[in-house]
């Protein structure tokens, strides 16, 4: 029974890795920065607009399967809208870590093979 659950979880993870919104979110997280955060929030707003459009079609007598799309669009909108601030927080955390890390001090003379070599900085 446990092996079946593990196999099902692995299969579901493989399928979800190729979902369009998950690929978009991971690509935006990899780039980072303010532009990526704004793009994630804008994509979340586009998903909310798509959900509102499907809801309007449902109110006018549209097919019932649009309810599934509404739920999917709302889920993706929340996922991407929350990814925006997370991208900004990760970028701020990286900048703070860079500031705290000790910097290597370069001297103008380094020893190479027992000889002192003068380096010129341009």
C-alpha atoms as a PDB file:
ATOM      1  CA  UNK A   1       0.000   0.000   0.000  1.00  0.00           C
ATOM      2  CA  UNK A   2       2.823   2.382   0.872  1.00  0.00           C
ATOM      3  CA  UNK A   3       4.581   1.658  -2.428  1.00  0.00           C
ATOM      4  CA  UNK A   4       1.379   2.510  -4.304  1.00  0.00           C
ATOM      5  CA  UNK A   5       1.087   5.843  -2.480  1.00  0.00           C
ATOM      6  CA  UNK A   6       4.730   6.699  -3.228  1.00  0.00           C
ATOM      7  CA  UNK A   7       4.306   5.792  -6.884  1.00  0.00           C
ATOM      8  CA  UNK A   8       1.118   7.865  -7.142  1.00  0.00           C
ATOM      9  CA  UNK A   9       2.816  10.856  -5.491  1.00  0.00           C
ATOM     10  CA  UNK A  10       5.785  10.617  -7.869  1.00  0.00           C
ATOM     11  CA  UNK A  11       3.491  10.433 -10.886  1.00  0.00           C
ATOM     12  CA  UNK A  12       1.468  13.409  -9.698  1.00  0.00           C
ATOM     13  CA  UNK A  13       4.622  15.426  -9.125  1.00  0.00           C
ATOM     14  CA  UNK A  14       5.829  14.629 -12.645  1.00  0.00           C
ATOM     15  CA  UNK A  15       2.504  15.746 -14.123  1.00  0.00           C
ATOM     16  CA  UNK A  16       2.385  18.941 -12.053  1.00  0.00           C
ATOM     17  CA  UNK A  17       5.954  19.818 -13.026  1.00  0.00           C
ATOM     18  CA  UNK A  18       4.755  20.299 -16.606  1.00  0.00           C
ATOM     19  CA  UNK A  19       1.662  22.340 -15.779  1.00  0.00           C
ATOM     20  CA  UNK A  20       1.890  25.741 -17.507  1.00  0.00           C
ATOM     21  CA  UNK A  21       1.422  27.855 -14.388  1.00  0.00           C
ATOM     22  CA  UNK A  22       4.010  25.828 -12.445  1.00  0.00           C
ATOM     23  CA  UNK A  23       6.536  26.211 -15.267  1.00  0.00           C
ATOM     24  CA  UNK A  24       5.862  29.951 -15.388  1.00  0.00           C
ATOM     25  CA  UNK A  25       6.243  30.316 -11.625  1.00  0.00           C
ATOM     26  CA  UNK A  26       9.523  28.378 -11.543  1.00  0.00           C
ATOM     27  CA  UNK A  27      10.917  30.375 -14.477  1.00  0.00           C
ATOM     28  CA  UNK A  28      10.009  33.653 -12.779  1.00  0.00           C
ATOM     29  CA  UNK A  29      11.516  32.477  -9.483  1.00  0.00           C
ATOM     30  CA  UNK A  30      14.745  31.563 -11.257  1.00  0.00           C
ATOM     31  CA  UNK A  31      15.093  35.025 -12.812  1.00  0.00           C
ATOM     32  CA  UNK A  32      14.162  36.954  -9.691  1.00  0.00           C
ATOM     33  CA  UNK A  33      13.994  40.716  -9.396  1.00  0.00           C
ATOM     34  CA  UNK A  34      11.270  43.318  -9.470  1.00  0.00           C
ATOM     35  CA  UNK A  35      10.325  42.651 -13.094  1.00  0.00           C
ATOM     36  CA  UNK A  36       9.717  38.975 -12.424  1.00  0.00           C
ATOM     37  CA  UNK A  37       7.635  39.757  -9.350  1.00  0.00           C
ATOM     38  CA  UNK A  38       5.468  42.179 -11.306  1.00  0.00           C
ATOM     39  CA  UNK A  39       5.116  39.650 -14.132  1.00  0.00           C
ATOM     40  CA  UNK A  40       3.928  37.000 -11.669  1.00  0.00           C
ATOM     41  CA  UNK A  41       1.361  39.384 -10.164  1.00  0.00           C
ATOM     42  CA  UNK A  42       0.181  40.413 -13.656  1.00  0.00           C
ATOM     43  CA  UNK A  43      -0.228  36.764 -14.650  1.00  0.00           C
ATOM     44  CA  UNK A  44      -2.260  36.219 -11.473  1.00  0.00           C
ATOM     45  CA  UNK A  45      -4.496  39.142 -12.447  1.00  0.00           C
ATOM     46  CA  UNK A  46      -4.946  37.636 -15.923  1.00  0.00           C
ATOM     47  CA  UNK A  47      -6.051  34.354 -14.350  1.00  0.00           C
ATOM     48  CA  UNK A  48      -8.566  36.236 -12.193  1.00  0.00           C
ATOM     49  CA  UNK A  49      -9.921  37.936 -15.320  1.00  0.00           C
ATOM     50  CA  UNK A  50     -10.280  34.535 -17.005  1.00  0.00           C
ATOM     51  CA  UNK A  51     -12.147  33.217 -13.941  1.00  0.00           C
ATOM     52  CA  UNK A  52     -14.484  36.225 -13.992  1.00  0.00           C
ATOM     53  CA  UNK A  53     -15.164  35.693 -17.698  1.00  0.00           C
ATOM     54  CA  UNK A  54     -15.995  32.020 -17.150  1.00  0.00           C
ATOM     55  CA  UNK A  55     -18.260  32.959 -14.235  1.00  0.00           C
ATOM     56  CA  UNK A  56     -20.091  35.452 -16.457  1.00  0.00           C
ATOM     57  CA  UNK A  57     -20.560  32.751 -19.090  1.00  0.00           C
ATOM     58  CA  UNK A  58     -21.908  30.399 -16.429  1.00  0.00           C
ATOM     59  CA  UNK A  59     -24.424  33.022 -15.275  1.00  0.00           C
ATOM     60  CA  UNK A  60     -25.666  33.343 -18.847  1.00  0.00           C
ATOM     61  CA  UNK A  61     -26.356  29.613 -19.091  1.00  0.00           C
ATOM     62  CA  UNK A  62     -22.968  28.259 -20.140  1.00  0.00           C
ATOM     63  CA  UNK A  63     -21.961  24.611 -19.789  1.00  0.00           C
ATOM     64  CA  UNK A  64     -21.349  23.229 -16.311  1.00  0.00           C
ATOM     65  CA  UNK A  65     -17.776  22.143 -17.018  1.00  0.00           C
ATOM     66  CA  UNK A  66     -16.753  25.803 -16.885  1.00  0.00           C
ATOM     67  CA  UNK A  67     -16.986  25.477 -13.079  1.00  0.00           C
ATOM     68  CA  UNK A  68     -13.836  23.336 -13.194  1.00  0.00           C
ATOM     69  CA  UNK A  69     -12.047  26.019 -15.203  1.00  0.00           C
ATOM     70  CA  UNK A  70     -13.138  28.693 -12.723  1.00  0.00           C
ATOM     71  CA  UNK A  71     -11.614  26.725  -9.846  1.00  0.00           C
ATOM     72  CA  UNK A  72      -8.437  26.096 -11.837  1.00  0.00           C
ATOM     73  CA  UNK A  73      -8.101  29.767 -12.800  1.00  0.00           C
ATOM     74  CA  UNK A  74      -8.632  30.945  -9.229  1.00  0.00           C
ATOM     75  CA  UNK A  75      -6.076  28.438  -7.902  1.00  0.00           C
ATOM     76  CA  UNK A  76      -3.479  29.573 -10.439  1.00  0.00           C
ATOM     77  CA  UNK A  77      -4.246  33.243  -9.744  1.00  0.00           C
ATOM     78  CA  UNK A  78      -3.603  32.826  -6.017  1.00  0.00           C
ATOM     79  CA  UNK A  79      -0.473  30.787  -6.683  1.00  0.00           C
ATOM     80  CA  UNK A  80       1.045  33.420  -8.989  1.00  0.00           C
ATOM     81  CA  UNK A  81      -0.173  36.415  -6.982  1.00  0.00           C
ATOM     82  CA  UNK A  82       1.558  35.003  -3.895  1.00  0.00           C
ATOM     83  CA  UNK A  83       4.679  34.126  -5.904  1.00  0.00           C
ATOM     84  CA  UNK A  84       5.278  37.822  -6.625  1.00  0.00           C
ATOM     85  CA  UNK A  85       5.984  38.886  -3.021  1.00  0.00           C
ATOM     86  CA  UNK A  86       7.887  35.630  -2.462  1.00  0.00           C
ATOM     87  CA  UNK A  87      10.194  36.487  -5.382  1.00  0.00           C
ATOM     88  CA  UNK A  88      10.821  39.939  -3.900  1.00  0.00           C
ATOM     89  CA  UNK A  89      11.530  38.455  -0.462  1.00  0.00           C
ATOM     90  CA  UNK A  90      13.979  35.930  -1.919  1.00  0.00           C
ATOM     91  CA  UNK A  91      15.795  38.675  -3.807  1.00  0.00           C
ATOM     92  CA  UNK A  92      16.051  40.805  -0.667  1.00  0.00           C
ATOM     93  CA  UNK A  93      17.359  37.810   1.283  1.00  0.00           C
ATOM     94  CA  UNK A  94      20.037  37.200  -1.362  1.00  0.00           C
ATOM     95  CA  UNK A  95      21.113  40.845  -1.330  1.00  0.00           C
ATOM     96  CA  UNK A  96      21.386  40.829   2.457  1.00  0.00           C
ATOM     97  CA  UNK A  97      23.443  37.618   2.356  1.00  0.00           C
ATOM     98  CA  UNK A  98      25.797  39.198  -0.189  1.00  0.00           C
ATOM     99  CA  UNK A  99      26.270  42.237   2.026  1.00  0.00           C
ATOM    100  CA  UNK A 100      27.013  40.108   5.090  1.00  0.00           C
ATOM    101  CA  UNK A 101      29.500  37.777   3.402  1.00  0.00           C
ATOM    102  CA  UNK A 102      33.153  38.623   3.990  1.00  0.00           C
ATOM    103  CA  UNK A 103      34.841  40.105   0.958  1.00  0.00           C
ATOM    104  CA  UNK A 104      38.228  38.912  -0.208  1.00  0.00           C
ATOM    105  CA  UNK A 105      40.816  41.652   0.048  1.00  0.00           C
ATOM    106  CA  UNK A 106      43.017  41.899  -3.028  1.00  0.00           C
ATOM    107  CA  UNK A 107      46.498  43.222  -2.635  1.00  0.00           C
ATOM    108  CA  UNK A 108      48.506  44.888  -5.353  1.00  0.00           C
ATOM    109  CA  UNK A 109      51.287  42.319  -4.977  1.00  0.00           C
ATOM    110  CA  UNK A 110      50.662  38.576  -4.992  1.00  0.00           C
ATOM    111  CA  UNK A 111      53.190  35.814  -4.576  1.00  0.00           C
ATOM    112  CA  UNK A 112      53.371  33.374  -7.476  1.00  0.00           C
ATOM    113  CA  UNK A 113      55.791  30.465  -7.273  1.00  0.00           C
ATOM    114  CA  UNK A 114      58.034  32.169  -4.718  1.00  0.00           C
ATOM    115  CA  UNK A 115      58.219  35.445  -6.660  1.00  0.00           C
ATOM    116  CA  UNK A 116      56.345  38.597  -5.858  1.00  0.00           C
ATOM    117  CA  UNK A 117      54.375  39.670  -8.890  1.00  0.00           C
ATOM    118  CA  UNK A 118      53.084  43.220  -9.148  1.00  0.00           C
ATOM    119  CA  UNK A 119      49.512  43.383 -10.485  1.00  0.00           C
ATOM    120  CA  UNK A 120      48.102  46.417 -12.202  1.00  0.00           C
ATOM    121  CA  UNK A 121      44.436  47.178 -11.768  1.00  0.00           C
ATOM    122  CA  UNK A 122      42.735  48.974 -14.617  1.00  0.00           C
END
